[in-house]
Amino acid sequence: MLDAYMRRRIDPALDRVGARLAAIGVRADAVTLVGFAVGLLAVPLAAMGWHLAALIALLANRLADGLDGAVARHDRLTDLGGYLDIVCDFLIYAGLPVGFALFDPTANALAAAVLLFSFMGTGSSFLTYAIIAAKRGETTEIRGRKSLYYLGGLTEGTETFAFLAAICVFPQAFVPLAYVFAAACWVTTVSRILAAVRAFGERAGS
Protein backbone atom coordinates (compact mmCIF):
# COMPACT_ATOMS: atom_id res chain seq x y z
CA MET A 1 0.00 0.00 0.00
CA LEU A 2 2.85 2.40 0.85
CA ASP A 3 5.40 1.16 -1.67
CA ALA A 4 4.52 3.71 -4.35
CA TYR A 5 4.74 6.55 -1.81
CA MET A 6 8.12 5.35 -0.53
CA ARG A 7 9.52 4.77 -4.02
CA ARG A 8 8.92 8.39 -4.99
CA ARG A 9 10.99 9.51 -2.01
CA ILE A 10 13.87 7.06 -1.93
CA ASP A 11 14.31 6.07 -5.57
CA PRO A 12 16.21 9.23 -6.65
CA ALA A 13 18.94 8.63 -4.04
CA LEU A 14 19.06 4.89 -4.76
CA ASP A 15 19.23 5.60 -8.47
CA ARG A 16 22.28 7.82 -8.05
CA VAL A 17 24.12 5.21 -5.98
CA GLY A 18 23.01 2.44 -8.34
CA ALA A 19 24.38 4.35 -11.33
CA ARG A 20 27.77 4.69 -9.64
CA LEU A 21 27.89 1.02 -8.68
CA ALA A 22 26.94 -0.07 -12.19
CA ALA A 23 29.60 2.25 -13.63
CA ILE A 24 32.36 0.47 -11.69
CA GLY A 25 31.14 -2.96 -12.73
CA VAL A 26 29.05 -4.06 -9.76
CA ARG A 27 26.33 -6.46 -10.89
CA ALA A 28 22.78 -6.33 -9.55
CA ASP A 29 22.72 -10.07 -8.80
CA ALA A 30 25.80 -9.70 -6.61
CA VAL A 31 24.10 -6.93 -4.62
CA THR A 32 21.03 -9.15 -4.20
CA LEU A 33 23.00 -12.16 -2.96
CA VAL A 34 25.27 -10.20 -0.61
CA GLY A 35 22.22 -8.44 0.82
CA PHE A 36 20.50 -11.77 1.26
CA ALA A 37 23.47 -13.26 3.12
CA VAL A 38 23.58 -10.28 5.47
CA GLY A 39 19.82 -10.30 5.98
CA LEU A 40 19.83 -14.00 6.76
CA LEU A 41 22.01 -13.25 9.77
CA ALA A 42 18.91 -11.66 11.33
CA VAL A 43 17.46 -15.14 11.90
CA PRO A 44 20.15 -16.52 14.28
CA LEU A 45 20.58 -13.08 15.84
CA ALA A 46 16.87 -12.95 16.71
CA ALA A 47 17.01 -16.54 17.94
CA MET A 48 19.82 -15.59 20.33
CA GLY A 49 17.90 -12.57 21.59
CA TRP A 50 20.09 -9.98 19.88
CA HIS A 51 17.13 -8.20 18.40
CA LEU A 52 18.71 -4.83 17.68
CA ALA A 53 21.57 -6.57 15.88
CA ALA A 54 18.93 -8.46 13.89
CA LEU A 55 17.39 -5.09 12.99
CA ILE A 56 20.73 -3.83 11.70
CA ALA A 57 21.08 -6.93 9.50
CA LEU A 58 17.53 -6.39 8.28
CA LEU A 59 18.22 -2.73 7.47
CA ALA A 60 21.31 -3.69 5.48
CA ASN A 61 19.26 -6.27 3.59
CA ARG A 62 16.54 -3.77 2.72
CA LEU A 63 19.15 -1.27 1.52
CA ALA A 64 20.62 -3.92 -0.77
CA ASP A 65 17.11 -4.78 -1.95
CA GLY A 66 16.64 -1.21 -3.08
CA LEU A 67 20.09 -0.92 -4.62
CA ASP A 68 19.96 -4.09 -6.70
CA GLY A 69 17.08 -2.78 -8.74
CA ALA A 70 18.79 0.59 -9.15
CA VAL A 71 21.96 -1.10 -10.37
CA ALA A 72 19.95 -3.27 -12.77
CA ARG A 73 18.22 -0.25 -14.28
CA HIS A 74 21.64 1.20 -15.14
CA ASP A 75 23.02 -2.11 -16.35
CA ARG A 76 20.28 -4.49 -17.50
CA LEU A 77 17.11 -6.00 -16.10
CA THR A 78 17.15 -9.79 -16.31
CA ASP A 79 14.68 -12.55 -15.55
CA LEU A 80 17.24 -14.18 -13.25
CA GLY A 81 17.66 -10.93 -11.34
CA GLY A 82 13.91 -10.62 -10.82
CA TYR A 83 13.73 -14.25 -9.74
CA LEU A 84 16.55 -13.92 -7.21
CA ASP A 85 15.12 -10.68 -5.84
CA ILE A 86 11.70 -12.20 -5.11
CA VAL A 87 13.03 -15.49 -3.71
CA CYS A 88 15.48 -13.75 -1.39
CA ASP A 89 12.82 -11.29 -0.20
CA PHE A 90 10.37 -14.00 0.73
CA LEU A 91 13.01 -16.06 2.53
CA ILE A 92 14.02 -13.06 4.64
CA TYR A 93 10.38 -12.22 5.40
CA ALA A 94 9.71 -15.79 6.57
CA GLY A 95 13.04 -16.29 8.30
CA LEU A 96 12.85 -13.56 10.92
CA PRO A 97 9.59 -14.88 12.52
CA VAL A 98 11.29 -18.28 12.72
CA GLY A 99 14.11 -16.62 14.64
CA PHE A 100 11.57 -15.28 17.14
CA ALA A 101 9.98 -18.72 17.43
CA LEU A 102 13.39 -20.20 18.25
CA PHE A 103 14.08 -17.42 20.74
CA ASP A 104 11.02 -18.31 22.85
CA PRO A 105 9.16 -21.34 21.44
CA THR A 106 6.61 -21.46 24.23
CA ALA A 107 5.48 -17.87 23.80
CA ASN A 108 6.14 -17.23 20.12
CA ALA A 109 5.88 -20.46 18.12
CA LEU A 110 2.11 -20.44 17.54
CA ALA A 111 2.02 -16.79 16.48
CA ALA A 112 5.00 -17.39 14.17
CA ALA A 113 3.22 -20.37 12.58
CA VAL A 114 0.07 -18.31 11.98
CA LEU A 115 2.20 -15.55 10.47
CA LEU A 116 3.99 -17.96 8.12
CA PHE A 117 0.59 -19.34 7.06
CA SER A 118 -0.50 -15.81 6.21
CA PHE A 119 2.73 -15.24 4.26
CA MET A 120 1.83 -18.24 2.11
CA GLY A 121 -1.37 -16.43 1.18
CA THR A 122 0.31 -13.16 0.22
CA GLY A 123 3.19 -14.86 -1.55
CA SER A 124 1.14 -17.33 -3.58
CA SER A 125 -1.51 -14.77 -4.54
CA PHE A 126 1.21 -12.35 -5.68
CA LEU A 127 3.29 -14.84 -7.67
CA THR A 128 0.47 -16.76 -9.32
CA TYR A 129 -1.13 -13.50 -10.46
CA ALA A 130 2.21 -12.50 -11.98
CA ILE A 131 2.48 -15.84 -13.80
CA ILE A 132 -1.00 -15.58 -15.34
CA ALA A 133 -0.50 -11.90 -16.19
CA ALA A 134 2.76 -12.74 -18.00
CA LYS A 135 1.02 -15.56 -19.87
CA ARG A 136 -1.59 -13.06 -21.06
CA GLY A 137 1.06 -10.50 -22.05
CA GLU A 138 0.04 -7.96 -19.40
CA THR A 139 2.55 -5.52 -17.94
CA THR A 140 2.53 -2.76 -15.36
CA GLU A 141 4.97 -0.18 -14.02
CA ILE A 142 2.78 0.86 -11.08
CA ARG A 143 5.79 0.16 -8.79
CA GLY A 144 8.43 1.11 -11.34
CA ARG A 145 10.16 -1.14 -13.83
CA LYS A 146 10.02 -4.72 -12.61
CA SER A 147 10.98 -8.10 -14.01
CA LEU A 148 7.48 -9.43 -13.35
CA TYR A 149 3.93 -8.15 -13.01
CA TYR A 150 3.54 -6.37 -9.65
CA LEU A 151 0.16 -6.59 -7.94
CA GLY A 152 -0.16 -4.37 -4.88
CA GLY A 153 -2.07 -4.84 -1.66
CA LEU A 154 -2.44 -3.74 1.94
CA THR A 155 0.79 -5.46 2.99
CA GLU A 156 3.57 -4.75 0.51
CA GLY A 157 7.29 -4.50 1.08
CA THR A 158 7.15 -1.26 3.08
CA GLU A 159 4.54 -2.58 5.52
CA THR A 160 6.37 -5.89 5.87
CA PHE A 161 9.63 -4.12 6.67
CA ALA A 162 7.85 -1.90 9.20
CA PHE A 163 6.43 -4.99 10.90
CA LEU A 164 9.77 -6.81 10.98
CA ALA A 165 11.49 -3.70 12.33
CA ALA A 166 8.80 -3.31 14.99
CA ILE A 167 9.23 -6.84 16.34
CA CYS A 168 12.99 -6.25 16.54
CA VAL A 169 12.51 -3.02 18.49
CA PHE A 170 9.68 -4.41 20.62
CA PRO A 171 10.39 -8.17 20.86
CA GLN A 172 8.12 -8.50 23.89
CA ALA A 173 5.20 -7.53 21.64
CA PHE A 174 5.93 -10.17 19.01
CA VAL A 175 2.74 -12.17 19.58
CA PRO A 176 0.15 -9.36 19.24
CA LEU A 177 2.09 -7.72 16.41
CA ALA A 178 2.30 -11.05 14.56
CA TYR A 179 -1.45 -11.64 14.82
CA VAL A 180 -2.27 -8.11 13.67
CA PHE A 181 0.05 -8.36 10.70
CA ALA A 182 -1.22 -11.84 9.84
CA ALA A 183 -4.76 -10.43 9.69
CA ALA A 184 -3.56 -7.62 7.41
CA CYS A 185 -1.88 -10.20 5.18
CA TRP A 186 -5.19 -12.01 4.78
CA VAL A 187 -6.84 -8.77 3.73
CA THR A 188 -4.16 -8.52 1.04
CA THR A 189 -4.64 -12.14 -0.02
CA VAL A 190 -8.40 -11.83 -0.34
CA SER A 191 -8.10 -8.55 -2.27
CA ARG A 192 -5.66 -10.16 -4.70
CA ILE A 193 -7.91 -13.18 -5.20
CA LEU A 194 -10.80 -10.84 -5.97
CA ALA A 195 -8.59 -8.93 -8.41
CA ALA A 196 -7.72 -12.23 -10.11
CA VAL A 197 -11.39 -13.17 -10.36
CA ARG A 198 -12.12 -9.84 -12.05
CA ALA A 199 -9.12 -10.03 -14.37
CA PHE A 200 -9.01 -13.71 -15.24
CA GLY A 201 -12.56 -14.90 -14.62
CA GLU A 202 -13.88 -14.64 -18.17
CA ARG A 203 -14.29 -17.77 -20.23
CA ALA A 204 -11.42 -18.84 -22.43
CA GLY A 205 -11.73 -17.31 -25.86
CA SER A 206 -14.32 -14.72 -24.81
C-alpha atoms as a PDB file:
ATOM      1  CA  MET A   1       0.000   0.000   0.000  1.00  0.00           C
ATOM      2  CA  LEU A   2       2.845   2.402   0.852  1.00  0.00           C
ATOM      3  CA  ASP A   3       5.403   1.155  -1.670  1.00  0.00           C
ATOM      4  CA  ALA A   4       4.521   3.714  -4.353  1.00  0.00           C
ATOM      5  CA  TYR A   5       4.743   6.548  -1.812  1.00  0.00           C
ATOM      6  CA  MET A   6       8.118   5.348  -0.534  1.00  0.00           C
ATOM      7  CA  ARG A   7       9.515   4.775  -4.020  1.00  0.00           C
ATOM      8  CA  ARG A   8       8.917   8.395  -4.986  1.00  0.00           C
ATOM      9  CA  ARG A   9      10.994   9.510  -2.014  1.00  0.00           C
ATOM     10  CA  ILE A  10      13.872   7.060  -1.927  1.00  0.00           C
ATOM     11  CA  ASP A  11      14.311   6.075  -5.574  1.00  0.00           C
ATOM     12  CA  PRO A  12      16.209   9.226  -6.648  1.00  0.00           C
ATOM     13  CA  ALA A  13      18.937   8.631  -4.044  1.00  0.00           C
ATOM     14  CA  LEU A  14      19.059   4.891  -4.756  1.00  0.00           C
ATOM     15  CA  ASP A  15      19.226   5.597  -8.473  1.00  0.00           C
ATOM     16  CA  ARG A  16      22.283   7.819  -8.054  1.00  0.00           C
ATOM     17  CA  VAL A  17      24.120   5.213  -5.982  1.00  0.00           C
ATOM     18  CA  GLY A  18      23.009   2.436  -8.340  1.00  0.00           C
ATOM     19  CA  ALA A  19      24.377   4.345 -11.332  1.00  0.00           C
ATOM     20  CA  ARG A  20      27.773   4.687  -9.643  1.00  0.00           C
ATOM     21  CA  LEU A  21      27.892   1.025  -8.682  1.00  0.00           C
ATOM     22  CA  ALA A  22      26.935  -0.070 -12.192  1.00  0.00           C
ATOM     23  CA  ALA A  23      29.596   2.245 -13.632  1.00  0.00           C
ATOM     24  CA  ILE A  24      32.363   0.468 -11.690  1.00  0.00           C
ATOM     25  CA  GLY A  25      31.137  -2.958 -12.728  1.00  0.00           C
ATOM     26  CA  VAL A  26      29.046  -4.056  -9.759  1.00  0.00           C
ATOM     27  CA  ARG A  27      26.326  -6.462 -10.886  1.00  0.00           C
ATOM     28  CA  ALA A  28      22.780  -6.330  -9.550  1.00  0.00           C
ATOM     29  CA  ASP A  29      22.719 -10.073  -8.796  1.00  0.00           C
ATOM     30  CA  ALA A  30      25.803  -9.701  -6.613  1.00  0.00           C
ATOM     31  CA  VAL A  31      24.102  -6.928  -4.616  1.00  0.00           C
ATOM     32  CA  THR A  32      21.034  -9.149  -4.199  1.00  0.00           C
ATOM     33  CA  LEU A  33      23.002 -12.156  -2.955  1.00  0.00           C
ATOM     34  CA  VAL A  34      25.272 -10.199  -0.605  1.00  0.00           C
ATOM     35  CA  GLY A  35      22.224  -8.438   0.825  1.00  0.00           C
ATOM     36  CA  PHE A  36      20.499 -11.773   1.258  1.00  0.00           C
ATOM     37  CA  ALA A  37      23.471 -13.256   3.115  1.00  0.00           C
ATOM     38  CA  VAL A  38      23.582 -10.278   5.474  1.00  0.00           C
ATOM     39  CA  GLY A  39      19.819 -10.296   5.976  1.00  0.00           C
ATOM     40  CA  LEU A  40      19.830 -14.000   6.757  1.00  0.00           C
ATOM     41  CA  LEU A  41      22.007 -13.252   9.774  1.00  0.00           C
ATOM     42  CA  ALA A  42      18.909 -11.663  11.335  1.00  0.00           C
ATOM     43  CA  VAL A  43      17.459 -15.141  11.901  1.00  0.00           C
ATOM     44  CA  PRO A  44      20.147 -16.519  14.283  1.00  0.00           C
ATOM     45  CA  LEU A  45      20.579 -13.075  15.839  1.00  0.00           C
ATOM     46  CA  ALA A  46      16.871 -12.951  16.706  1.00  0.00           C
ATOM     47  CA  ALA A  47      17.011 -16.544  17.942  1.00  0.00           C
ATOM     48  CA  MET A  48      19.824 -15.592  20.329  1.00  0.00           C
ATOM     49  CA  GLY A  49      17.903 -12.572  21.592  1.00  0.00           C
ATOM     50  CA  TRP A  50      20.095  -9.981  19.881  1.00  0.00           C
ATOM     51  CA  HIS A  51      17.125  -8.204  18.399  1.00  0.00           C
ATOM     52  CA  LEU A  52      18.711  -4.829  17.682  1.00  0.00           C
ATOM     53  CA  ALA A  53      21.572  -6.570  15.882  1.00  0.00           C
ATOM     54  CA  ALA A  54      18.932  -8.456  13.888  1.00  0.00           C
ATOM     55  CA  LEU A  55      17.388  -5.094  12.995  1.00  0.00           C
ATOM     56  CA  ILE A  56      20.732  -3.832  11.698  1.00  0.00           C
ATOM     57  CA  ALA A  57      21.076  -6.926   9.503  1.00  0.00           C
ATOM     58  CA  LEU A  58      17.529  -6.393   8.276  1.00  0.00           C
ATOM     59  CA  LEU A  59      18.222  -2.727   7.466  1.00  0.00           C
ATOM     60  CA  ALA A  60      21.308  -3.695   5.476  1.00  0.00           C
ATOM     61  CA  ASN A  61      19.261  -6.266   3.586  1.00  0.00           C
ATOM     62  CA  ARG A  62      16.536  -3.766   2.722  1.00  0.00           C
ATOM     63  CA  LEU A  63      19.154  -1.266   1.525  1.00  0.00           C
ATOM     64  CA  ALA A  64      20.616  -3.923  -0.768  1.00  0.00           C
ATOM     65  CA  ASP A  65      17.105  -4.785  -1.953  1.00  0.00           C
ATOM     66  CA  GLY A  66      16.638  -1.206  -3.081  1.00  0.00           C
ATOM     67  CA  LEU A  67      20.090  -0.924  -4.621  1.00  0.00           C
ATOM     68  CA  ASP A  68      19.963  -4.094  -6.695  1.00  0.00           C
ATOM     69  CA  GLY A  69      17.075  -2.776  -8.737  1.00  0.00           C
ATOM     70  CA  ALA A  70      18.793   0.595  -9.150  1.00  0.00           C
ATOM     71  CA  VAL A  71      21.962  -1.104 -10.372  1.00  0.00           C
ATOM     72  CA  ALA A  72      19.950  -3.272 -12.766  1.00  0.00           C
ATOM     73  CA  ARG A  73      18.220  -0.251 -14.276  1.00  0.00           C
ATOM     74  CA  HIS A  74      21.640   1.201 -15.144  1.00  0.00           C
ATOM     75  CA  ASP A  75      23.020  -2.112 -16.348  1.00  0.00           C
ATOM     76  CA  ARG A  76      20.283  -4.489 -17.503  1.00  0.00           C
ATOM     77  CA  LEU A  77      17.114  -5.997 -16.096  1.00  0.00           C
ATOM     78  CA  THR A  78      17.146  -9.795 -16.307  1.00  0.00           C
ATOM     79  CA  ASP A  79      14.677 -12.552 -15.554  1.00  0.00           C
ATOM     80  CA  LEU A  80      17.237 -14.179 -13.246  1.00  0.00           C
ATOM     81  CA  GLY A  81      17.656 -10.931 -11.337  1.00  0.00           C
ATOM     82  CA  GLY A  82      13.905 -10.619 -10.820  1.00  0.00           C
ATOM     83  CA  TYR A  83      13.734 -14.249  -9.743  1.00  0.00           C
ATOM     84  CA  LEU A  84      16.547 -13.924  -7.210  1.00  0.00           C
ATOM     85  CA  ASP A  85      15.118 -10.681  -5.841  1.00  0.00           C
ATOM     86  CA  ILE A  86      11.699 -12.199  -5.112  1.00  0.00           C
ATOM     87  CA  VAL A  87      13.029 -15.494  -3.713  1.00  0.00           C
ATOM     88  CA  CYS A  88      15.478 -13.746  -1.394  1.00  0.00           C
ATOM     89  CA  ASP A  89      12.825 -11.287  -0.197  1.00  0.00           C
ATOM     90  CA  PHE A  90      10.366 -14.005   0.726  1.00  0.00           C
ATOM     91  CA  LEU A  91      13.010 -16.063   2.529  1.00  0.00           C
ATOM     92  CA  ILE A  92      14.015 -13.061   4.645  1.00  0.00           C
ATOM     93  CA  TYR A  93      10.382 -12.221   5.398  1.00  0.00           C
ATOM     94  CA  ALA A  94       9.713 -15.785   6.568  1.00  0.00           C
ATOM     95  CA  GLY A  95      13.040 -16.286   8.296  1.00  0.00           C
ATOM     96  CA  LEU A  96      12.847 -13.563  10.922  1.00  0.00           C
ATOM     97  CA  PRO A  97       9.594 -14.880  12.521  1.00  0.00           C
ATOM     98  CA  VAL A  98      11.293 -18.281  12.717  1.00  0.00           C
ATOM     99  CA  GLY A  99      14.110 -16.620  14.639  1.00  0.00           C
ATOM    100  CA  PHE A 100      11.571 -15.281  17.136  1.00  0.00           C
ATOM    101  CA  ALA A 101       9.980 -18.724  17.429  1.00  0.00           C
ATOM    102  CA  LEU A 102      13.393 -20.200  18.247  1.00  0.00           C
ATOM    103  CA  PHE A 103      14.084 -17.421  20.737  1.00  0.00           C
ATOM    104  CA  ASP A 104      11.018 -18.309  22.845  1.00  0.00           C
ATOM    105  CA  PRO A 105       9.162 -21.337  21.443  1.00  0.00           C
ATOM    106  CA  THR A 106       6.612 -21.456  24.234  1.00  0.00           C
ATOM    107  CA  ALA A 107       5.477 -17.866  23.798  1.00  0.00           C
ATOM    108  CA  ASN A 108       6.140 -17.233  20.119  1.00  0.00           C
ATOM    109  CA  ALA A 109       5.880 -20.461  18.120  1.00  0.00           C
ATOM    110  CA  LEU A 110       2.110 -20.444  17.539  1.00  0.00           C
ATOM    111  CA  ALA A 111       2.019 -16.791  16.476  1.00  0.00           C
ATOM    112  CA  ALA A 112       5.002 -17.393  14.166  1.00  0.00           C
ATOM    113  CA  ALA A 113       3.220 -20.367  12.584  1.00  0.00           C
ATOM    114  CA  VAL A 114       0.069 -18.312  11.984  1.00  0.00           C
ATOM    115  CA  LEU A 115       2.205 -15.555  10.474  1.00  0.00           C
ATOM    116  CA  LEU A 116       3.987 -17.956   8.122  1.00  0.00           C
ATOM    117  CA  PHE A 117       0.593 -19.340   7.062  1.00  0.00           C
ATOM    118  CA  SER A 118      -0.501 -15.806   6.205  1.00  0.00           C
ATOM    119  CA  PHE A 119       2.731 -15.238   4.255  1.00  0.00           C
ATOM    120  CA  MET A 120       1.835 -18.241   2.106  1.00  0.00           C
ATOM    121  CA  GLY A 121      -1.367 -16.429   1.180  1.00  0.00           C
ATOM    122  CA  THR A 122       0.309 -13.164   0.216  1.00  0.00           C
ATOM    123  CA  GLY A 123       3.190 -14.861  -1.549  1.00  0.00           C
ATOM    124  CA  SER A 124       1.145 -17.326  -3.581  1.00  0.00           C
ATOM    125  CA  SER A 125      -1.514 -14.767  -4.536  1.00  0.00           C
ATOM    126  CA  PHE A 126       1.207 -12.354  -5.683  1.00  0.00           C
ATOM    127  CA  LEU A 127       3.285 -14.843  -7.667  1.00  0.00           C
ATOM    128  CA  THR A 128       0.466 -16.761  -9.318  1.00  0.00           C
ATOM    129  CA  TYR A 129      -1.127 -13.495 -10.465  1.00  0.00           C
ATOM    130  CA  ALA A 130       2.214 -12.498 -11.978  1.00  0.00           C
ATOM    131  CA  ILE A 131       2.478 -15.845 -13.800  1.00  0.00           C
ATOM    132  CA  ILE A 132      -0.996 -15.582 -15.336  1.00  0.00           C
ATOM    133  CA  ALA A 133      -0.497 -11.900 -16.195  1.00  0.00           C
ATOM    134  CA  ALA A 134       2.758 -12.744 -17.998  1.00  0.00           C
ATOM    135  CA  LYS A 135       1.024 -15.556 -19.875  1.00  0.00           C
ATOM    136  CA  ARG A 136      -1.589 -13.056 -21.062  1.00  0.00           C
ATOM    137  CA  GLY A 137       1.059 -10.504 -22.053  1.00  0.00           C
ATOM    138  CA  GLU A 138       0.039  -7.963 -19.402  1.00  0.00           C
ATOM    139  CA  THR A 139       2.550  -5.519 -17.938  1.00  0.00           C
ATOM    140  CA  THR A 140       2.528  -2.757 -15.356  1.00  0.00           C
ATOM    141  CA  GLU A 141       4.969  -0.182 -14.018  1.00  0.00           C
ATOM    142  CA  ILE A 142       2.784   0.861 -11.078  1.00  0.00           C
ATOM    143  CA  ARG A 143       5.790   0.164  -8.792  1.00  0.00           C
ATOM    144  CA  GLY A 144       8.433   1.107 -11.336  1.00  0.00           C
ATOM    145  CA  ARG A 145      10.165  -1.138 -13.832  1.00  0.00           C
ATOM    146  CA  LYS A 146      10.018  -4.723 -12.605  1.00  0.00           C
ATOM    147  CA  SER A 147      10.983  -8.103 -14.009  1.00  0.00           C
ATOM    148  CA  LEU A 148       7.475  -9.429 -13.349  1.00  0.00           C
ATOM    149  CA  TYR A 149       3.934  -8.147 -13.007  1.00  0.00           C
ATOM    150  CA  TYR A 150       3.543  -6.373  -9.648  1.00  0.00           C
ATOM    151  CA  LEU A 151       0.155  -6.588  -7.937  1.00  0.00           C
ATOM    152  CA  GLY A 152      -0.163  -4.365  -4.880  1.00  0.00           C
ATOM    153  CA  GLY A 153      -2.070  -4.843  -1.655  1.00  0.00           C
ATOM    154  CA  LEU A 154      -2.439  -3.737   1.935  1.00  0.00           C
ATOM    155  CA  THR A 155       0.790  -5.456   2.989  1.00  0.00           C
ATOM    156  CA  GLU A 156       3.566  -4.751   0.512  1.00  0.00           C
ATOM    157  CA  GLY A 157       7.293  -4.496   1.079  1.00  0.00           C
ATOM    158  CA  THR A 158       7.145  -1.260   3.083  1.00  0.00           C
ATOM    159  CA  GLU A 159       4.537  -2.583   5.521  1.00  0.00           C
ATOM    160  CA  THR A 160       6.375  -5.893   5.866  1.00  0.00           C
ATOM    161  CA  PHE A 161       9.627  -4.121   6.668  1.00  0.00           C
ATOM    162  CA  ALA A 162       7.849  -1.900   9.198  1.00  0.00           C
ATOM    163  CA  PHE A 163       6.429  -4.989  10.901  1.00  0.00           C
ATOM    164  CA  LEU A 164       9.769  -6.814  10.978  1.00  0.00           C
ATOM    165  CA  ALA A 165      11.488  -3.701  12.328  1.00  0.00           C
ATOM    166  CA  ALA A 166       8.796  -3.313  14.989  1.00  0.00           C
ATOM    167  CA  ILE A 167       9.230  -6.836  16.336  1.00  0.00           C
ATOM    168  CA  CYS A 168      12.988  -6.253  16.544  1.00  0.00           C
ATOM    169  CA  VAL A 169      12.515  -3.016  18.488  1.00  0.00           C
ATOM    170  CA  PHE A 170       9.675  -4.413  20.622  1.00  0.00           C
ATOM    171  CA  PRO A 171      10.390  -8.167  20.861  1.00  0.00           C
ATOM    172  CA  GLN A 172       8.122  -8.500  23.891  1.00  0.00           C
ATOM    173  CA  ALA A 173       5.204  -7.525  21.638  1.00  0.00           C
ATOM    174  CA  PHE A 174       5.929 -10.168  19.012  1.00  0.00           C
ATOM    175  CA  VAL A 175       2.742 -12.168  19.576  1.00  0.00           C
ATOM    176  CA  PRO A 176       0.148  -9.358  19.241  1.00  0.00           C
ATOM    177  CA  LEU A 177       2.088  -7.720  16.409  1.00  0.00           C
ATOM    178  CA  ALA A 178       2.299 -11.045  14.564  1.00  0.00           C
ATOM    179  CA  TYR A 179      -1.448 -11.644  14.822  1.00  0.00           C
ATOM    180  CA  VAL A 180      -2.275  -8.113  13.673  1.00  0.00           C
ATOM    181  CA  PHE A 181       0.050  -8.357  10.700  1.00  0.00           C
ATOM    182  CA  ALA A 182      -1.224 -11.837   9.841  1.00  0.00           C
ATOM    183  CA  ALA A 183      -4.756 -10.431   9.688  1.00  0.00           C
ATOM    184  CA  ALA A 184      -3.564  -7.622   7.410  1.00  0.00           C
ATOM    185  CA  CYS A 185      -1.884 -10.203   5.180  1.00  0.00           C
ATOM    186  CA  TRP A 186      -5.194 -12.011   4.781  1.00  0.00           C
ATOM    187  CA  VAL A 187      -6.841  -8.766   3.726  1.00  0.00           C
ATOM    188  CA  THR A 188      -4.164  -8.524   1.037  1.00  0.00           C
ATOM    189  CA  THR A 189      -4.636 -12.141  -0.016  1.00  0.00           C
ATOM    190  CA  VAL A 190      -8.402 -11.827  -0.345  1.00  0.00           C
ATOM    191  CA  SER A 191      -8.098  -8.551  -2.274  1.00  0.00           C
ATOM    192  CA  ARG A 192      -5.660 -10.163  -4.705  1.00  0.00           C
ATOM    193  CA  ILE A 193      -7.912 -13.179  -5.199  1.00  0.00           C
ATOM    194  CA  LEU A 194     -10.804 -10.844  -5.974  1.00  0.00           C
ATOM    195  CA  ALA A 195      -8.591  -8.931  -8.413  1.00  0.00           C
ATOM    196  CA  ALA A 196      -7.718 -12.227 -10.112  1.00  0.00           C
ATOM    197  CA  VAL A 197     -11.386 -13.169 -10.356  1.00  0.00           C
ATOM    198  CA  ARG A 198     -12.119  -9.839 -12.046  1.00  0.00           C
ATOM    199  CA  ALA A 199      -9.122 -10.026 -14.373  1.00  0.00           C
ATOM    200  CA  PHE A 200      -9.012 -13.714 -15.241  1.00  0.00           C
ATOM    201  CA  GLY A 201     -12.561 -14.904 -14.624  1.00  0.00           C
ATOM    202  CA  GLU A 202     -13.879 -14.644 -18.165  1.00  0.00           C
ATOM    203  CA  ARG A 203     -14.286 -17.767 -20.229  1.00  0.00           C
ATOM    204  CA  ALA A 204     -11.418 -18.843 -22.426  1.00  0.00           C
ATOM    205  CA  GLY A 205     -11.730 -17.313 -25.857  1.00  0.00           C
ATOM    206  CA  SER A 206     -14.321 -14.722 -24.813  1.00  0.00           C
END
